[in-house]
């Protein structure tokens, strides 16, 4: 039997079991195996009798001018089937007027300085839109736990900061990135790629892997290893057009200095054809040879 789909928060809450622990997986829809991994992680995080809620909502606030809001895939029936197979108990698929009952919200969550860097610099206002909808859905769903993929590392860090700064009573858990067999990080936007574009896009993972294969490397060596791969991909047909390659601290997402040792996140964003992709890897930097 297909799991229940709630359109209103009141309808969702009516299906909650008294005292049951709840976990939420928030999505834009177009679910794939990466989302399934988040759902499975939520299931494992809960004690028996706990409820896993998957939200499906294409949030207009996080799409900028010229981005793919209108063509973003809406596949609710398939999403419900995947959510159920992965172990979810409920799907919450609200309308715009349920999430933003007064229309476009005038009061929003500001992501702060870390939200203006990297992804925020290329997508102004994006993280304000993300944090605003995450805050709203946390209120509507009222979970004890929320699972987010580590592929969106900057987003995950900002959500953690928002929850800490504003005192949301929820535990945030990151779930490791799920990849296609060739290494491409799973994304709902991968379906936009043609076969030649997909071949070029694999350079993102190769670049990160080149840096990751250098244990305790210096920042300069890690950047150089990844840059060499991306520069070659820029000459491919079709070419990879780089937005940024950054080696950032995991909290504020500022570029680490050449003297940095310890953890850092190497993040990359690039376009292949009309599709924009991101990926990242966590590195431990040290006194490499």
Protein backbone atom coordinates (compact mmCIF):
# COMPACT_ATOMS: atom_id res chain seq x y z
CA UNK A 1 0.00 0.00 0.00
CA UNK A 2 1.36 3.43 -0.95
CA UNK A 3 2.37 5.61 1.98
CA UNK A 4 0.24 8.64 2.81
CA UNK A 5 0.86 11.99 1.14
CA UNK A 6 -0.10 15.00 3.24
CA UNK A 7 -0.67 18.39 1.64
CA UNK A 8 -1.32 20.35 4.85
CA UNK A 9 0.64 20.44 8.10
CA UNK A 10 -2.52 19.67 10.07
CA UNK A 11 -3.08 16.58 7.94
CA UNK A 12 0.54 15.55 8.52
CA UNK A 13 0.31 16.01 12.29
CA UNK A 14 -2.92 13.99 12.42
CA UNK A 15 -0.90 10.99 11.25
CA UNK A 16 1.76 11.30 13.95
CA UNK A 17 1.81 8.64 16.63
CA UNK A 18 1.77 10.13 20.15
CA UNK A 19 5.30 10.30 21.54
CA UNK A 20 6.92 8.94 18.38
CA UNK A 21 10.35 10.27 17.49
CA UNK A 22 10.43 11.92 14.05
CA UNK A 23 13.09 12.49 11.40
CA UNK A 24 12.74 14.55 8.25
CA UNK A 25 14.45 14.39 4.86
CA UNK A 26 13.85 17.61 2.92
CA UNK A 27 13.91 17.47 -0.88
CA UNK A 28 13.01 19.47 -3.96
CA UNK A 29 11.57 16.30 -5.44
CA UNK A 30 12.95 14.34 -8.40
CA UNK A 31 14.22 11.82 -5.86
CA UNK A 32 17.18 9.55 -6.59
CA UNK A 33 19.39 7.11 -4.69
CA UNK A 34 21.09 9.96 -2.85
CA UNK A 35 17.75 10.89 -1.31
CA UNK A 36 17.13 7.20 -0.61
CA UNK A 37 20.39 7.10 1.38
CA UNK A 38 19.18 10.06 3.47
CA UNK A 39 15.87 8.28 4.11
CA UNK A 40 17.63 5.06 5.06
CA UNK A 41 19.92 7.01 7.41
CA UNK A 42 16.87 8.61 9.02
CA UNK A 43 15.27 5.19 9.46
CA UNK A 44 18.40 3.86 11.19
CA UNK A 45 18.63 6.96 13.41
CA UNK A 46 15.18 6.35 14.91
CA UNK A 47 14.11 3.83 17.48
CA UNK A 48 11.39 1.34 16.48
CA UNK A 49 8.09 3.16 16.08
CA UNK A 50 9.75 6.36 14.90
CA UNK A 51 8.40 8.21 11.84
CA UNK A 52 10.41 9.27 8.78
CA UNK A 53 8.86 12.21 6.91
CA UNK A 54 10.04 13.18 3.41
CA UNK A 55 9.18 16.68 2.24
CA UNK A 56 8.76 17.34 -1.48
CA UNK A 57 8.64 21.04 -2.26
CA UNK A 58 10.22 23.02 -5.10
CA UNK A 59 11.07 26.16 -3.17
CA UNK A 60 10.93 29.25 -5.42
CA UNK A 61 13.02 31.34 -3.02
CA UNK A 62 16.23 29.42 -3.68
CA UNK A 63 16.13 29.73 -7.49
CA UNK A 64 17.69 32.85 -8.95
CA UNK A 65 16.91 34.66 -12.16
CA UNK A 66 17.67 32.48 -15.16
CA UNK A 67 17.87 29.27 -13.11
CA UNK A 68 15.81 26.16 -13.74
CA UNK A 69 12.79 26.67 -11.46
CA UNK A 70 10.25 26.25 -14.26
CA UNK A 71 11.86 23.16 -15.79
CA UNK A 72 12.87 21.55 -12.50
CA UNK A 73 11.31 18.06 -12.67
CA UNK A 74 8.06 17.50 -10.74
CA UNK A 75 7.70 13.73 -10.34
CA UNK A 76 5.61 13.27 -7.20
CA UNK A 77 4.28 9.78 -7.95
CA UNK A 78 7.77 8.44 -8.56
CA UNK A 79 9.05 10.33 -5.51
CA UNK A 80 6.43 8.72 -3.27
CA UNK A 81 7.34 5.27 -4.60
CA UNK A 82 11.06 5.81 -3.95
CA UNK A 83 10.41 7.25 -0.49
CA UNK A 84 8.30 4.27 0.44
CA UNK A 85 10.87 1.77 -0.87
CA UNK A 86 13.61 3.51 1.13
CA UNK A 87 11.64 3.27 4.36
CA UNK A 88 9.75 6.55 4.75
CA UNK A 89 6.44 6.63 6.59
CA UNK A 90 4.95 9.88 5.27
CA UNK A 91 5.44 12.31 2.39
CA UNK A 92 4.67 15.98 2.98
CA UNK A 93 4.10 17.74 -0.37
CA UNK A 94 2.75 21.19 0.52
CA UNK A 95 1.54 23.85 -1.87
CA UNK A 96 3.05 27.34 -2.01
CA UNK A 97 0.20 28.75 0.05
CA UNK A 98 0.81 26.19 2.81
CA UNK A 99 4.50 27.10 3.05
CA UNK A 100 4.09 30.84 2.37
CA UNK A 101 0.45 31.64 3.22
CA UNK A 102 0.90 35.40 2.85
CA UNK A 103 2.62 35.05 -0.52
CA UNK A 104 6.30 35.74 -1.06
CA UNK A 105 7.66 36.21 2.48
CA UNK A 106 8.92 39.65 3.45
CA UNK A 107 10.76 38.26 6.48
CA UNK A 108 13.49 35.76 5.64
CA UNK A 109 16.47 34.06 7.25
CA UNK A 110 19.76 35.76 6.34
CA UNK A 111 22.61 33.34 5.80
CA UNK A 112 25.25 35.84 6.95
CA UNK A 113 28.81 36.20 5.63
CA UNK A 114 29.32 32.48 4.97
CA UNK A 115 26.27 32.57 2.72
CA UNK A 116 27.91 35.13 0.44
CA UNK A 117 30.91 32.95 -0.37
CA UNK A 118 31.39 30.27 -3.05
CA UNK A 119 27.84 29.15 -3.98
CA UNK A 120 26.45 32.33 -2.48
CA UNK A 121 28.70 34.50 -4.63
CA UNK A 122 27.52 32.78 -7.82
CA UNK A 123 23.89 32.50 -6.69
CA UNK A 124 23.09 35.68 -4.73
CA UNK A 125 20.29 35.15 -2.23
CA UNK A 126 20.28 31.40 -2.75
CA UNK A 127 21.16 30.47 0.82
CA UNK A 128 18.71 32.98 2.27
CA UNK A 129 16.02 31.13 0.33
CA UNK A 130 17.30 27.74 1.47
CA UNK A 131 17.45 28.68 5.14
CA UNK A 132 14.04 30.34 5.01
CA UNK A 133 12.34 27.23 3.66
CA UNK A 134 14.30 24.89 5.93
CA UNK A 135 13.24 26.96 8.94
CA UNK A 136 9.63 26.94 7.78
CA UNK A 137 9.59 23.19 7.13
CA UNK A 138 11.19 22.51 10.51
CA UNK A 139 8.28 24.38 12.08
CA UNK A 140 5.67 22.61 9.96
CA UNK A 141 7.07 19.08 10.33
CA UNK A 142 8.38 19.45 13.92
CA UNK A 143 11.05 16.72 13.64
CA UNK A 144 13.59 15.65 16.23
CA UNK A 145 16.19 14.88 13.55
CA UNK A 146 16.89 16.19 10.05
CA UNK A 147 19.14 14.51 7.49
CA UNK A 148 20.97 16.43 4.76
CA UNK A 149 23.40 15.21 2.11
CA UNK A 150 27.07 16.15 2.38
CA UNK A 151 27.21 16.88 -1.36
CA UNK A 152 25.83 20.32 -0.47
CA UNK A 153 28.54 20.92 2.13
CA UNK A 154 28.14 24.69 2.37
CA UNK A 155 24.38 24.36 2.69
CA UNK A 156 24.81 21.76 5.45
CA UNK A 157 27.20 24.02 7.36
CA UNK A 158 24.79 26.96 7.11
CA UNK A 159 21.82 24.88 8.28
CA UNK A 160 23.84 23.72 11.27
CA UNK A 161 24.76 27.31 12.07
CA UNK A 162 21.14 28.47 11.76
CA UNK A 163 19.92 25.70 14.06
CA UNK A 164 22.60 26.56 16.62
CA UNK A 165 22.14 30.33 16.42
CA UNK A 166 18.33 30.27 16.54
CA UNK A 167 17.92 27.37 18.95
CA UNK A 168 15.90 24.97 16.80
CA UNK A 169 15.20 21.80 18.82
CA UNK A 170 16.45 19.43 16.12
CA UNK A 171 19.60 17.38 15.52
CA UNK A 172 21.18 17.87 12.08
CA UNK A 173 22.94 14.86 10.55
CA UNK A 174 25.03 14.84 7.38
CA UNK A 175 24.80 11.82 5.09
CA UNK A 176 27.76 10.88 2.84
CA UNK A 177 27.48 11.68 -0.87
CA UNK A 178 26.13 8.90 -3.08
CA UNK A 179 27.79 8.55 -6.48
CA UNK A 180 27.11 6.94 -9.81
CA UNK A 181 29.45 4.04 -10.67
CA UNK A 182 31.80 6.37 -12.57
CA UNK A 183 31.99 8.76 -9.59
CA UNK A 184 29.58 11.52 -10.59
CA UNK A 185 27.77 12.77 -7.48
CA UNK A 186 24.06 11.97 -7.71
CA UNK A 187 21.92 15.02 -8.42
CA UNK A 188 18.45 15.59 -9.77
CA UNK A 189 20.11 17.74 -12.44
CA UNK A 190 22.19 14.87 -13.80
CA UNK A 191 19.20 13.91 -15.95
CA UNK A 192 19.79 17.07 -17.99
CA UNK A 193 23.21 15.81 -19.17
CA UNK A 194 23.69 14.29 -22.62
CA UNK A 195 26.13 11.39 -22.92
CA UNK A 196 29.04 13.63 -24.06
CA UNK A 197 28.24 16.14 -21.31
CA UNK A 198 28.20 13.39 -18.70
CA UNK A 199 31.66 12.26 -19.84
CA UNK A 200 32.98 15.78 -19.36
CA UNK A 201 31.24 16.17 -15.98
CA UNK A 202 33.16 13.21 -14.58
CA UNK A 203 36.15 15.56 -14.34
CA UNK A 204 34.68 17.04 -11.15
CA UNK A 205 35.08 13.77 -9.28
CA UNK A 206 38.45 13.06 -10.89
CA UNK A 207 39.74 16.45 -9.77
CA UNK A 208 38.63 15.94 -6.18
CA UNK A 209 40.01 12.40 -6.19
CA UNK A 210 43.38 13.67 -7.42
CA UNK A 211 43.59 15.90 -4.35
CA UNK A 212 42.25 13.23 -2.00
CA UNK A 213 44.92 10.75 -3.13
CA UNK A 214 47.57 13.01 -1.60
CA UNK A 215 47.39 12.34 2.15
CA UNK A 216 48.68 15.21 4.28
CA UNK A 217 49.37 17.31 1.18
CA UNK A 218 49.90 21.05 1.42
CA UNK A 219 47.05 23.28 0.26
CA UNK A 220 49.14 24.30 -2.76
CA UNK A 221 49.71 20.70 -3.79
CA UNK A 222 46.05 19.77 -3.38
CA UNK A 223 44.89 22.75 -5.42
CA UNK A 224 47.44 22.02 -8.15
CA UNK A 225 46.41 18.38 -8.47
CA UNK A 226 42.73 19.24 -8.83
CA UNK A 227 43.35 22.22 -11.12
CA UNK A 228 45.32 20.10 -13.61
CA UNK A 229 42.31 17.81 -14.11
CA UNK A 230 39.87 20.70 -14.48
CA UNK A 231 42.09 22.56 -16.92
CA UNK A 232 42.19 19.49 -19.17
CA UNK A 233 38.39 19.19 -18.97
CA UNK A 234 38.05 22.82 -20.06
CA UNK A 235 39.48 21.72 -23.43
CA UNK A 236 37.05 18.80 -23.82
CA UNK A 237 34.12 18.71 -26.24
CA UNK A 238 31.83 19.84 -24.73
CA UNK A 239 33.99 21.86 -22.34
CA UNK A 240 33.73 22.12 -18.60
CA UNK A 241 33.29 25.77 -17.59
CA UNK A 242 34.59 26.27 -14.06
CA UNK A 243 32.79 28.56 -11.62
CA UNK A 244 35.17 27.91 -8.75
CA UNK A 245 37.60 25.48 -7.18
CA UNK A 246 38.00 26.31 -3.50
CA UNK A 247 39.83 24.87 -0.55
CA UNK A 248 37.80 26.15 2.37
CA UNK A 249 37.50 25.79 6.10
CA UNK A 250 34.51 23.56 6.94
CA UNK A 251 32.64 26.12 9.06
CA UNK A 252 32.94 29.59 7.54
CA UNK A 253 33.90 28.49 4.02
CA UNK A 254 36.73 31.00 3.72
CA UNK A 255 39.70 29.98 1.58
CA UNK A 256 42.39 28.37 3.74
CA UNK A 257 45.92 29.85 3.61
CA UNK A 258 48.87 27.95 2.19
CA UNK A 259 50.07 27.33 5.76
CA UNK A 260 46.82 25.58 6.78
CA UNK A 261 46.97 22.13 8.34
CA UNK A 262 44.07 19.95 9.40
CA UNK A 263 40.62 19.59 7.88
CA UNK A 264 39.42 21.51 4.84
CA UNK A 265 36.75 21.05 2.21
CA UNK A 266 37.70 21.14 -1.44
CA UNK A 267 34.61 22.34 -3.28
CA UNK A 268 34.05 22.67 -7.00
CA UNK A 269 31.26 24.08 -9.15
CA UNK A 270 31.14 24.02 -12.93
CA UNK A 271 28.82 24.07 -15.91
CA UNK A 272 28.65 21.52 -18.68
CA UNK A 273 26.32 22.67 -21.40
CA UNK A 274 23.37 24.27 -19.60
CA UNK A 275 23.74 22.14 -16.46
CA UNK A 276 25.48 23.39 -13.33
CA UNK A 277 26.98 20.80 -10.99
CA UNK A 278 28.70 20.92 -7.61
CA UNK A 279 30.79 18.45 -5.65
CA UNK A 280 33.21 18.40 -2.72
CA UNK A 281 35.55 16.23 -0.69
CA UNK A 282 36.82 16.60 2.87
CA UNK A 283 40.63 16.59 3.09
CA UNK A 284 43.17 16.44 5.89
CA UNK A 285 46.02 18.76 4.98
CA UNK A 286 49.48 18.63 6.46
CA UNK A 287 53.15 18.83 5.66
CA UNK A 288 53.08 17.02 2.33
CA UNK A 289 56.28 16.36 0.44
